[in-house]
Amino acid sequence: MSSGQVDFSGENVRRNVLAVAAPMLVAQIVNLLYNIVDRIYIGKIPGEGMIALAGLGLCFPVITMVTAFANLFGLGGAPLCSIARGKKDTEGARKVMNNAFFMLILTGICITVFGIVFHKPILYLFGASDATYPYAAGYMIIYLLGTVFVMISLGMNPYINSQGFAKIGMQTVTLGAVSNLILDPVFIFVFHLGVQGAAIATIISQFFSAVWVLRFLTGKKAELTLNLKGFRPDWACIFEIAKLGTSTFVMSFTNGLVQVVCNAMLSVYGGDLYISVMTVINSIREIAQTPVMAVADGSSPIISYNYGAQKYDLMKKAIRFMTQICFAYSFIIWVLICAFPELFIRIFNQDAELITAAVPSLHIYFFGFFMMAFQFTGQCVFKALNKAPQAVFFSILRKAVIVAPLTIILPRIGGLGVAGVFMAEPISNFIGGLACYITMQCTVLRKL
């Protein structure tokens, strides 16, 4: 093994999971800062922070959908890469990585062109008003210009982690996040560019991360190197990557869909104030779920590797350990959010009107948050074992089948209004989370 590379075949599964998950947790936390620092600074712009925050919130579905395409070929191919490594099929693993890189570049260019050309009708479809549109458009157009950088940094980083170089993967995210933390206040407040300054800082930071990823994957330290000399796309391989990545893609894409539906319903029942509230709540949710995602992502390559190596006992230990950690953490963070809601809200905005509206909405939205741990762990196992149909089904079930329809229906029942919009999430956590985890237990663990 290379220096700093985790041996996924080791008998101490807990140590291996933590060895991969710890750097990923740091990376996820830093990436969280990366994502929310724009909202923190924009929410504090004197005199226009609340309306600017609403404008930025309208761009969330766009950012989520860009992330969805990065995950389609990034997190879709990484488990295949790990399974191939477990089988000692180095060339097969490299082929997956090269084809994924090709598709990330291609889709990045397509998203940039389409998004910029149709940005205005897209934003009004997402719930923009004449007041929020200038802020949303100012951010969205500039952000889309850096789409290729986002695709490379987010989409190729899983291939670093799948080789056991979790610390290098952590450094990818850290580089971009630290750059963003430094550049954001400069462009927003020193150059007085507002939301446009936040977008400029973001794409510059993503460029740094993309360069770092490419430098490592084309260098001597990587076990699998990226080399497109004489490359021709293997459509059969691309189909396998996309098939497995569809679950993560659908999960991210339906998150974007739900955000669109929520913003549209909130604009009707609550106006721009409640779009700002939803922006804050989505940001708090990202804070809350980050460690769960890190543990799941840290467990995934170990589960995939041992599945490919047919070491099923080690695989089962990794699944159980992941579930225990995720549930314990998500329960604790749920209690903290319920006990100190204002503390979390004030991170982003201190407007009294917004806080008054956000506190009850936060309690409703986060009710039973700990049930999300079952969704994350179940989905992680299905993806890690290349069980694409199950992974896709439960991605669609929770968001498209449960949340989106309830978001439209509940506000119309008994005068619930905005409360009905926020109620859809906890209902989906209970139904979707239990359905996903119980199915994984019955179809995977019992057979092993």
Protein backbone atom coordinates (compact mmCIF):
# COMPACT_ATOMS: atom_id res chain seq x y z
CA MET A 1 0.00 0.00 0.00
CA SER A 2 1.16 3.54 -0.76
CA SER A 3 1.84 5.95 2.09
CA GLY A 4 -1.43 7.34 3.45
CA GLN A 5 -3.51 4.68 1.67
CA VAL A 6 -6.05 2.71 3.74
CA ASP A 7 -6.05 -1.09 3.31
CA PHE A 8 -9.77 -1.91 2.83
CA SER A 9 -9.11 -5.64 3.31
CA GLY A 10 -7.91 -5.22 6.94
CA GLU A 11 -9.71 -7.19 9.66
CA ASN A 12 -10.28 -4.17 11.93
CA VAL A 13 -13.36 -2.85 10.12
CA ARG A 14 -14.19 -0.12 12.63
CA ARG A 15 -10.70 1.31 12.36
CA ASN A 16 -10.87 1.20 8.55
CA VAL A 17 -14.27 2.89 8.45
CA LEU A 18 -13.09 5.64 10.80
CA ALA A 19 -9.79 5.99 8.92
CA VAL A 20 -11.73 6.79 5.76
CA ALA A 21 -14.69 8.56 7.38
CA ALA A 22 -12.64 10.93 9.59
CA PRO A 23 -10.93 12.73 6.69
CA MET A 24 -14.23 12.65 4.82
CA LEU A 25 -15.97 14.22 7.81
CA VAL A 26 -13.41 16.99 7.87
CA ALA A 27 -13.86 17.37 4.12
CA GLN A 28 -17.65 17.40 4.43
CA ILE A 29 -17.55 19.99 7.22
CA VAL A 30 -15.19 22.15 5.21
CA ASN A 31 -17.40 21.62 2.14
CA LEU A 32 -20.35 22.64 4.28
CA LEU A 33 -18.58 25.90 5.08
CA TYR A 34 -17.93 26.19 1.36
CA ASN A 35 -21.67 25.92 0.64
CA ILE A 36 -23.09 28.00 3.47
CA VAL A 37 -20.51 30.77 3.75
CA ASP A 38 -22.14 32.54 0.79
CA ARG A 39 -25.47 32.50 2.65
CA ILE A 40 -23.89 33.73 5.88
CA TYR A 41 -22.22 36.71 4.20
CA ILE A 42 -25.14 37.50 1.90
CA GLY A 43 -27.61 37.31 4.79
CA LYS A 44 -25.59 40.02 6.53
CA ILE A 45 -25.49 42.52 3.64
CA PRO A 46 -26.78 45.78 5.23
CA GLY A 47 -30.34 46.69 4.24
CA GLU A 48 -30.88 43.90 1.72
CA GLY A 49 -29.69 40.73 3.43
CA MET A 50 -33.10 39.05 3.73
CA ILE A 51 -34.21 39.63 0.12
CA ALA A 52 -30.73 38.72 -1.20
CA LEU A 53 -30.91 35.50 0.84
CA ALA A 54 -34.25 34.69 -0.80
CA GLY A 55 -32.68 35.29 -4.24
CA LEU A 56 -29.81 32.96 -3.41
CA GLY A 57 -32.29 30.36 -2.16
CA LEU A 58 -33.89 30.33 -5.60
CA CYS A 59 -30.54 29.18 -7.03
CA PHE A 60 -30.37 26.16 -4.70
CA PRO A 61 -32.22 23.87 -7.14
CA VAL A 62 -29.72 24.80 -9.87
CA ILE A 63 -26.75 24.10 -7.60
CA THR A 64 -28.39 20.86 -6.47
CA MET A 65 -28.94 19.74 -10.06
CA VAL A 66 -25.33 20.49 -11.03
CA THR A 67 -24.29 18.39 -8.03
CA ALA A 68 -26.69 15.66 -9.19
CA PHE A 69 -24.89 15.32 -12.53
CA ALA A 70 -21.50 15.33 -10.79
CA ASN A 71 -22.74 12.52 -8.53
CA LEU A 72 -24.19 10.59 -11.49
CA PHE A 73 -20.72 9.86 -12.87
CA GLY A 74 -18.69 10.42 -9.68
CA LEU A 75 -20.49 8.46 -6.98
CA GLY A 76 -21.92 6.23 -9.72
CA GLY A 77 -18.53 5.00 -10.86
CA ALA A 78 -16.61 5.03 -7.56
CA PRO A 79 -18.25 1.85 -6.15
CA LEU A 80 -17.55 0.06 -9.46
CA CYS A 81 -13.96 1.22 -9.15
CA SER A 82 -13.72 -0.19 -5.61
CA ILE A 83 -15.33 -3.50 -6.60
CA ALA A 84 -12.85 -3.83 -9.49
CA ARG A 85 -9.96 -3.09 -7.11
CA GLY A 86 -11.27 -5.77 -4.75
CA LYS A 87 -11.12 -8.21 -7.67
CA LYS A 88 -7.57 -6.99 -8.52
CA ASP A 89 -8.85 -5.71 -11.89
CA THR A 90 -6.76 -2.53 -12.14
CA GLU A 91 -7.45 -1.92 -15.83
CA GLY A 92 -11.19 -2.29 -15.28
CA ALA A 93 -11.06 0.26 -12.45
CA ARG A 94 -9.05 2.68 -14.60
CA LYS A 95 -11.51 2.32 -17.50
CA VAL A 96 -14.38 3.30 -15.20
CA MET A 97 -12.52 6.40 -14.03
CA ASN A 98 -11.55 7.57 -17.55
CA ASN A 99 -15.08 7.20 -18.91
CA ALA A 100 -16.53 9.00 -15.90
CA PHE A 101 -14.15 11.94 -16.45
CA PHE A 102 -15.18 12.19 -20.11
CA MET A 103 -18.88 12.33 -19.20
CA LEU A 104 -18.32 14.88 -16.43
CA ILE A 105 -16.69 17.29 -18.88
CA LEU A 106 -19.36 16.72 -21.55
CA THR A 107 -22.33 17.21 -19.20
CA GLY A 108 -20.66 20.22 -17.56
CA ILE A 109 -20.46 22.04 -20.90
CA CYS A 110 -24.08 21.18 -21.77
CA ILE A 111 -25.39 22.39 -18.38
CA THR A 112 -23.48 25.68 -18.70
CA VAL A 113 -24.91 26.51 -22.12
CA PHE A 114 -28.48 25.43 -21.32
CA GLY A 115 -28.58 27.12 -17.91
CA ILE A 116 -27.30 30.50 -19.10
CA VAL A 117 -29.57 30.61 -22.17
CA PHE A 118 -32.73 29.76 -20.22
CA HIS A 119 -31.87 31.23 -16.82
CA LYS A 120 -34.74 33.75 -16.69
CA PRO A 121 -37.70 31.40 -17.31
CA ILE A 122 -36.02 28.81 -15.04
CA LEU A 123 -35.78 31.25 -12.12
CA TYR A 124 -39.38 32.44 -12.46
CA LEU A 125 -40.46 28.79 -12.64
CA PHE A 126 -38.56 28.26 -9.38
CA GLY A 127 -40.60 30.97 -7.63
CA ALA A 128 -38.69 34.18 -8.34
CA SER A 129 -40.47 37.53 -7.96
CA ASP A 130 -39.49 40.81 -9.58
CA ALA A 131 -37.77 41.72 -6.30
CA THR A 132 -35.70 38.52 -5.98
CA TYR A 133 -34.92 37.89 -9.68
CA PRO A 134 -31.97 40.35 -9.99
CA TYR A 135 -30.22 38.71 -7.02
CA ALA A 136 -30.90 35.18 -8.25
CA ALA A 137 -29.83 35.90 -11.84
CA GLY A 138 -26.67 37.69 -10.69
CA TYR A 139 -25.56 34.60 -8.79
CA MET A 140 -26.80 31.89 -11.16
CA ILE A 141 -25.19 33.10 -14.40
CA ILE A 142 -21.73 33.48 -12.87
CA TYR A 143 -22.00 30.18 -10.97
CA LEU A 144 -22.89 28.32 -14.18
CA LEU A 145 -19.72 29.63 -15.86
CA GLY A 146 -17.76 27.47 -13.40
CA THR A 147 -19.85 24.32 -13.89
CA VAL A 148 -16.99 22.32 -15.45
CA PHE A 149 -14.79 23.09 -12.43
CA VAL A 150 -17.57 21.87 -10.12
CA MET A 151 -18.00 18.68 -12.15
CA ILE A 152 -14.28 17.86 -11.98
CA SER A 153 -13.79 18.65 -8.28
CA LEU A 154 -16.99 16.96 -7.05
CA GLY A 155 -17.17 14.22 -9.66
CA MET A 156 -13.55 13.02 -9.63
CA ASN A 157 -12.86 13.30 -5.90
CA PRO A 158 -14.71 9.99 -5.17
CA TYR A 159 -12.13 8.22 -7.37
CA ILE A 160 -9.40 9.47 -5.04
CA ASN A 161 -11.34 8.20 -2.00
CA SER A 162 -12.09 4.85 -3.70
CA GLN A 163 -8.34 4.21 -3.92
CA GLY A 164 -7.99 4.70 -0.16
CA PHE A 165 -6.52 8.22 -0.31
CA ALA A 166 -9.11 9.81 1.98
CA LYS A 167 -6.71 12.50 3.21
CA ILE A 168 -6.00 13.65 -0.35
CA GLY A 169 -9.76 13.76 -0.95
CA MET A 170 -10.12 15.87 2.19
CA GLN A 171 -7.45 18.27 0.94
CA THR A 172 -9.37 18.73 -2.33
CA VAL A 173 -12.36 20.10 -0.49
CA THR A 174 -10.31 22.01 2.06
CA LEU A 175 -8.43 23.91 -0.64
CA GLY A 176 -11.64 25.11 -2.27
CA ALA A 177 -13.39 25.91 1.00
CA VAL A 178 -10.53 27.91 2.49
CA SER A 179 -10.21 29.83 -0.77
CA ASN A 180 -13.94 30.60 -0.69
CA LEU A 181 -13.81 31.73 2.95
CA ILE A 182 -11.05 34.20 2.07
CA LEU A 183 -12.43 35.41 -1.27
CA ASP A 184 -16.11 35.78 -0.28
CA PRO A 185 -15.80 38.85 1.99
CA VAL A 186 -13.33 40.42 -0.44
CA PHE A 187 -15.67 40.23 -3.44
CA ILE A 188 -18.90 40.86 -1.49
CA PHE A 189 -17.88 43.68 0.86
CA VAL A 190 -14.53 45.12 -0.36
CA PHE A 191 -15.46 45.19 -4.07
CA HIS A 192 -19.17 45.69 -3.22
CA LEU A 193 -20.30 43.03 -5.70
CA GLY A 194 -22.96 41.44 -3.45
CA VAL A 195 -24.34 38.12 -4.67
CA GLN A 196 -22.29 38.35 -7.86
CA GLY A 197 -19.15 38.59 -5.74
CA ALA A 198 -20.16 35.44 -3.86
CA ALA A 199 -20.56 33.59 -7.16
CA ILE A 200 -17.16 34.80 -8.44
CA ALA A 201 -15.49 33.62 -5.22
CA THR A 202 -17.19 30.23 -5.56
CA ILE A 203 -16.08 29.50 -9.12
CA ILE A 204 -12.50 30.60 -8.44
CA SER A 205 -12.42 28.26 -5.43
CA GLN A 206 -13.86 25.38 -7.47
CA PHE A 207 -11.16 26.00 -10.09
CA PHE A 208 -8.47 25.53 -7.43
CA SER A 209 -10.08 22.25 -6.29
CA ALA A 210 -10.37 20.98 -9.87
CA VAL A 211 -6.69 21.66 -10.54
CA TRP A 212 -5.75 19.83 -7.32
CA VAL A 213 -7.80 16.76 -8.29
CA LEU A 214 -6.33 16.58 -11.79
CA ARG A 215 -2.81 17.07 -10.47
CA PHE A 216 -3.16 14.07 -8.14
CA LEU A 217 -4.94 11.75 -10.58
CA THR A 218 -2.32 12.37 -13.26
CA GLY A 219 0.62 12.14 -10.84
CA LYS A 220 2.79 9.32 -9.51
CA LYS A 221 1.11 8.82 -6.11
CA ALA A 222 -2.23 7.63 -7.48
CA GLU A 223 -2.75 3.89 -7.87
CA LEU A 224 -5.14 4.57 -10.76
CA THR A 225 -4.06 7.42 -13.00
CA LEU A 226 -6.15 9.46 -15.41
CA ASN A 227 -4.88 9.20 -18.98
CA LEU A 228 -7.05 10.08 -21.98
CA LYS A 229 -4.36 9.56 -24.61
CA GLY A 230 -6.04 7.60 -27.43
CA PHE A 231 -9.24 7.53 -25.34
CA ARG A 232 -12.52 6.47 -26.91
CA PRO A 233 -15.70 6.44 -24.83
CA ASP A 234 -16.89 2.98 -23.86
CA TRP A 235 -20.67 3.40 -23.91
CA ALA A 236 -21.29 0.07 -22.21
CA CYS A 237 -19.07 1.16 -19.32
CA ILE A 238 -20.72 4.60 -19.22
CA PHE A 239 -24.12 2.91 -19.06
CA GLU A 240 -23.03 0.83 -16.04
CA ILE A 241 -21.70 3.95 -14.30
CA ALA A 242 -24.89 5.87 -15.01
CA LYS A 243 -27.07 2.94 -13.96
CA LEU A 244 -25.50 2.81 -10.51
CA GLY A 245 -25.19 6.59 -10.27
CA THR A 246 -28.86 7.05 -11.07
CA SER A 247 -29.83 6.50 -7.44
CA THR A 248 -27.58 9.31 -6.20
CA PHE A 249 -28.55 11.42 -9.21
CA VAL A 250 -32.25 10.91 -8.54
CA MET A 251 -31.75 11.69 -4.84
CA SER A 252 -29.97 14.97 -5.67
CA PHE A 253 -32.26 15.80 -8.59
CA THR A 254 -35.42 15.18 -6.60
CA ASN A 255 -33.96 17.33 -3.81
CA GLY A 256 -33.81 20.08 -6.41
CA LEU A 257 -37.34 19.27 -7.52
CA VAL A 258 -38.61 19.46 -3.95
CA GLN A 259 -36.85 22.79 -3.45
CA VAL A 260 -38.61 24.12 -6.56
CA VAL A 261 -42.00 22.88 -5.35
CA CYS A 262 -41.39 24.25 -1.82
CA ASN A 263 -40.37 27.68 -3.10
CA ALA A 264 -43.36 27.80 -5.43
CA MET A 265 -45.81 26.89 -2.63
CA LEU A 266 -44.14 29.21 -0.11
CA SER A 267 -44.32 32.11 -2.57
CA VAL A 268 -48.09 31.57 -2.70
CA TYR A 269 -48.76 30.99 1.02
CA GLY A 270 -45.96 32.98 2.66
CA GLY A 271 -44.18 35.21 0.14
CA ASP A 272 -40.47 36.07 -0.05
CA LEU A 273 -40.12 35.93 3.76
CA TYR A 274 -40.81 32.19 3.84
CA ILE A 275 -38.51 31.54 0.88
CA SER A 276 -35.80 33.12 3.06
CA VAL A 277 -36.92 30.88 5.94
CA MET A 278 -36.62 27.79 3.73
CA THR A 279 -33.14 28.92 2.63
CA VAL A 280 -32.08 29.07 6.30
CA ILE A 281 -33.71 25.70 7.12
CA ASN A 282 -32.03 24.01 4.14
CA SER A 283 -28.71 25.40 5.36
CA ILE A 284 -29.29 24.04 8.88
CA ARG A 285 -30.23 20.66 7.42
CA GLU A 286 -26.91 20.59 5.56
CA ILE A 287 -25.11 21.24 8.85
CA ALA A 288 -27.09 18.48 10.58
CA GLN A 289 -26.72 15.75 7.94
CA THR A 290 -23.06 16.32 7.05
CA PRO A 291 -21.54 13.83 9.56
CA VAL A 292 -24.08 11.17 8.56
CA MET A 293 -23.09 11.58 4.92
CA ALA A 294 -19.40 11.42 5.84
CA VAL A 295 -19.80 8.13 7.73
CA ALA A 296 -21.89 6.65 4.88
CA ASP A 297 -19.40 7.83 2.25
CA GLY A 298 -16.51 6.53 4.37
CA SER A 299 -18.12 3.12 4.70
CA SER A 300 -19.07 2.77 1.04
CA PRO A 301 -15.64 1.97 -0.50
CA ILE A 302 -14.93 -0.55 2.29
CA ILE A 303 -18.27 -2.29 1.71
CA SER A 304 -17.69 -2.31 -2.07
CA TYR A 305 -14.11 -3.57 -1.81
CA ASN A 306 -14.95 -6.46 0.53
CA TYR A 307 -17.98 -7.33 -1.60
CA GLY A 308 -15.68 -7.62 -4.62
CA ALA A 309 -13.19 -9.64 -2.55
CA GLN A 310 -16.05 -11.87 -1.24
CA LYS A 311 -15.20 -11.06 2.39
CA TYR A 312 -18.82 -10.85 3.47
CA ASP A 313 -18.18 -10.95 7.22
CA LEU A 314 -16.12 -7.75 7.01
CA MET A 315 -18.79 -6.21 4.82
CA LYS A 316 -21.54 -6.93 7.37
CA LYS A 317 -19.46 -5.48 10.21
CA ALA A 318 -19.00 -2.26 8.22
CA ILE A 319 -22.75 -1.98 7.57
CA ARG A 320 -23.67 -2.48 11.24
CA PHE A 321 -21.04 -0.05 12.49
CA MET A 322 -22.17 2.58 9.96
CA THR A 323 -25.81 2.23 11.06
CA GLN A 324 -25.01 2.57 14.77
CA ILE A 325 -22.89 5.71 14.30
CA CYS A 326 -25.38 7.40 11.94
CA PHE A 327 -28.41 6.81 14.17
CA ALA A 328 -26.68 7.91 17.39
CA TYR A 329 -25.40 11.13 15.85
CA SER A 330 -28.64 12.07 14.05
CA PHE A 331 -30.63 11.61 17.27
CA ILE A 332 -28.26 13.89 19.23
CA ILE A 333 -28.27 16.66 16.59
CA TRP A 334 -32.08 16.50 16.40
CA VAL A 335 -32.31 17.11 20.15
CA LEU A 336 -29.90 20.07 19.90
CA ILE A 337 -31.81 21.71 17.03
CA CYS A 338 -35.12 21.33 18.89
CA ALA A 339 -33.62 22.75 22.10
CA PHE A 340 -31.75 25.71 20.55
CA PRO A 341 -33.49 26.66 17.27
CA GLU A 342 -32.61 30.36 17.41
CA LEU A 343 -28.92 29.58 17.82
CA PHE A 344 -28.89 27.79 14.46
CA ILE A 345 -31.08 30.38 12.70
CA ARG A 346 -28.93 33.33 13.80
CA ILE A 347 -25.92 31.84 12.01
CA PHE A 348 -27.49 33.06 8.77
CA ASN A 349 -29.71 36.01 9.64
CA GLN A 350 -30.68 37.97 12.76
CA ASP A 351 -33.77 39.70 11.41
CA ALA A 352 -36.49 39.51 14.08
CA GLU A 353 -39.30 38.89 11.58
CA LEU A 354 -37.41 36.02 9.95
CA ILE A 355 -36.55 34.41 13.30
CA THR A 356 -40.19 34.60 14.46
CA ALA A 357 -41.32 32.83 11.29
CA ALA A 358 -38.42 30.35 11.21
CA VAL A 359 -38.58 28.87 14.75
CA PRO A 360 -41.95 27.04 14.44
CA SER A 361 -41.12 26.08 10.85
CA LEU A 362 -37.82 24.58 12.00
CA HIS A 363 -39.53 22.48 14.69
CA ILE A 364 -41.97 21.05 12.15
CA TYR A 365 -39.37 20.39 9.46
CA PHE A 366 -36.91 18.60 11.78
CA PHE A 367 -39.45 16.46 13.65
CA GLY A 368 -38.04 12.92 13.70
CA PHE A 369 -34.87 13.95 11.85
CA PHE A 370 -33.07 10.87 13.23
CA MET A 371 -35.09 8.67 10.85
CA MET A 372 -32.98 10.03 7.99
CA ALA A 373 -30.11 7.86 9.27
CA PHE A 374 -31.96 4.77 8.02
CA GLN A 375 -32.40 6.30 4.56
CA PHE A 376 -28.70 7.17 4.29
CA THR A 377 -27.43 3.79 5.48
CA GLY A 378 -29.86 1.78 3.35
CA GLN A 379 -29.08 3.81 0.23
CA CYS A 380 -25.33 3.53 0.93
CA VAL A 381 -25.46 -0.27 1.03
CA PHE A 382 -27.52 -0.57 -2.16
CA LYS A 383 -25.11 1.70 -4.05
CA ALA A 384 -21.98 0.08 -2.61
CA LEU A 385 -23.17 -3.39 -3.73
CA ASN A 386 -24.13 -2.21 -7.23
CA LYS A 387 -27.83 -2.84 -6.58
CA ALA A 388 -29.03 -0.01 -8.82
CA PRO A 389 -32.78 -0.81 -9.04
CA GLN A 390 -33.26 -0.77 -5.26
CA ALA A 391 -31.15 2.36 -4.85
CA VAL A 392 -33.09 4.20 -7.57
CA PHE A 393 -36.48 3.08 -6.23
CA PHE A 394 -35.92 4.42 -2.73
CA SER A 395 -34.48 7.67 -4.05
CA ILE A 396 -37.65 8.25 -6.04
CA LEU A 397 -39.95 7.01 -3.27
CA ARG A 398 -38.90 9.48 -0.61
CA LYS A 399 -38.72 12.71 -2.58
CA ALA A 400 -40.76 12.34 -5.78
CA VAL A 401 -43.52 10.04 -4.46
CA ILE A 402 -43.85 11.31 -0.86
CA VAL A 403 -42.40 14.80 -0.36
CA ALA A 404 -43.30 16.59 -3.61
CA PRO A 405 -47.00 15.60 -3.66
CA LEU A 406 -47.42 16.27 0.09
CA THR A 407 -45.82 19.70 -0.34
CA ILE A 408 -48.58 20.56 -2.81
CA ILE A 409 -51.47 18.84 -0.99
CA LEU A 410 -50.90 19.58 2.73
CA PRO A 411 -50.97 23.43 2.55
CA ARG A 412 -54.50 23.17 1.13
CA ILE A 413 -55.80 20.97 3.98
CA GLY A 414 -57.41 22.59 7.02
CA GLY A 415 -55.72 25.93 6.42
CA LEU A 416 -52.23 24.53 7.15
CA GLY A 417 -50.59 26.89 4.63
CA VAL A 418 -46.84 27.19 5.12
CA ALA A 419 -46.92 24.67 7.98
CA GLY A 420 -48.13 22.07 5.49
CA VAL A 421 -45.10 22.72 3.29
CA PHE A 422 -42.74 22.01 6.19
CA MET A 423 -44.69 18.94 7.37
CA ALA A 424 -43.94 16.98 4.18
CA GLU A 425 -40.29 16.40 5.14
CA PRO A 426 -40.75 14.62 8.51
CA ILE A 427 -43.49 12.40 7.08
CA SER A 428 -41.11 11.28 4.32
CA ASN A 429 -38.32 10.66 6.84
CA PHE A 430 -40.42 8.14 8.74
CA ILE A 431 -41.98 6.35 5.75
CA GLY A 432 -39.03 6.48 3.33
CA GLY A 433 -36.32 5.85 5.93
CA LEU A 434 -37.95 2.76 7.42
CA ALA A 435 -38.95 1.33 4.05
CA CYS A 436 -35.40 1.67 2.69
CA TYR A 437 -33.63 0.22 5.73
CA ILE A 438 -36.02 -2.69 6.31
CA THR A 439 -35.76 -3.67 2.64
CA MET A 440 -31.94 -3.55 2.85
CA GLN A 441 -32.04 -5.76 5.96
CA CYS A 442 -34.29 -8.33 4.29
CA THR A 443 -32.66 -8.40 0.86
CA VAL A 444 -28.97 -7.95 1.75
CA LEU A 445 -28.01 -8.74 5.35
CA ARG A 446 -30.22 -11.82 5.77
CA LYS A 447 -28.91 -13.35 2.53
CA LEU A 448 -25.35 -12.89 3.78
